[in-house]
């Protein structure tokens, strides 16, 4: 029995699949870092000492 040669070798398919995989890993890492930076920046914006103090009337005193 002879093994039939395939039109596209498995090594070629593997090498073609490696570049998009590595690119997606780097993209996900970068995206995760950027989202963490945005989260830290939003924490600074919404910290309690920078928000104005709201004076709410007493619930029984307004009637």
Protein backbone atom coordinates (compact mmCIF):
# COMPACT_ATOMS: atom_id res chain seq x y z
CA UNK A 1 0.00 0.00 0.00
CA UNK A 2 1.23 3.41 -0.92
CA UNK A 3 0.43 6.51 1.06
CA UNK A 4 -1.21 9.12 -1.15
CA UNK A 5 0.45 12.52 -0.97
CA UNK A 6 -1.88 15.16 0.36
CA UNK A 7 -2.26 18.40 -1.49
CA UNK A 8 -1.49 20.49 1.59
CA UNK A 9 0.90 19.16 4.20
CA UNK A 10 0.07 19.26 7.88
CA UNK A 11 3.24 21.25 8.59
CA UNK A 12 2.08 23.98 6.26
CA UNK A 13 -1.36 24.11 7.87
CA UNK A 14 0.21 24.28 11.32
CA UNK A 15 2.54 27.10 10.34
CA UNK A 16 -0.35 29.05 8.79
CA UNK A 17 -2.43 28.64 11.95
CA UNK A 18 0.37 29.70 14.31
CA UNK A 19 0.53 33.37 13.28
CA UNK A 20 -3.18 34.19 13.88
CA UNK A 21 -3.08 32.30 17.17
CA UNK A 22 -0.06 34.25 18.43
CA UNK A 23 -1.60 37.50 17.24
CA UNK A 24 -4.80 36.76 19.15
CA UNK A 25 -2.85 35.99 22.34
CA UNK A 26 -1.01 39.31 22.12
CA UNK A 27 -4.25 41.17 21.32
CA UNK A 28 -6.08 39.65 24.30
CA UNK A 29 -3.19 40.52 26.62
CA UNK A 30 -3.12 44.12 25.40
CA UNK A 31 -6.89 44.44 25.62
CA UNK A 32 -6.87 43.11 29.19
CA UNK A 33 -4.22 45.65 30.23
CA UNK A 34 -6.17 48.52 28.64
CA UNK A 35 -9.41 47.48 30.35
CA UNK A 36 -7.64 47.36 33.71
CA UNK A 37 -6.26 50.85 33.12
CA UNK A 38 -9.75 52.12 32.24
CA UNK A 39 -11.11 50.50 35.40
CA UNK A 40 -8.49 52.17 37.56
CA UNK A 41 -9.17 55.53 35.92
CA UNK A 42 -12.90 55.19 36.53
CA UNK A 43 -12.22 54.40 40.19
CA UNK A 44 -10.36 57.69 40.46
CA UNK A 45 -13.27 59.55 38.90
CA UNK A 46 -15.89 58.01 41.16
CA UNK A 47 -14.00 58.12 44.46
CA UNK A 48 -16.09 59.46 47.31
CA UNK A 49 -13.87 62.41 48.20
CA UNK A 50 -14.31 63.93 44.75
CA UNK A 51 -18.09 63.66 44.60
CA UNK A 52 -20.21 66.55 45.85
CA UNK A 53 -22.05 66.16 49.12
CA UNK A 54 -25.80 65.95 48.54
CA UNK A 55 -27.95 67.37 51.32
CA UNK A 56 -31.13 65.32 51.54
CA UNK A 57 -33.96 66.70 53.67
CA UNK A 58 -35.11 64.68 56.66
CA UNK A 59 -38.02 62.43 55.76
CA UNK A 60 -40.24 63.70 58.62
CA UNK A 61 -39.29 67.40 58.58
CA UNK A 62 -40.60 68.31 55.11
CA UNK A 63 -44.30 67.85 55.95
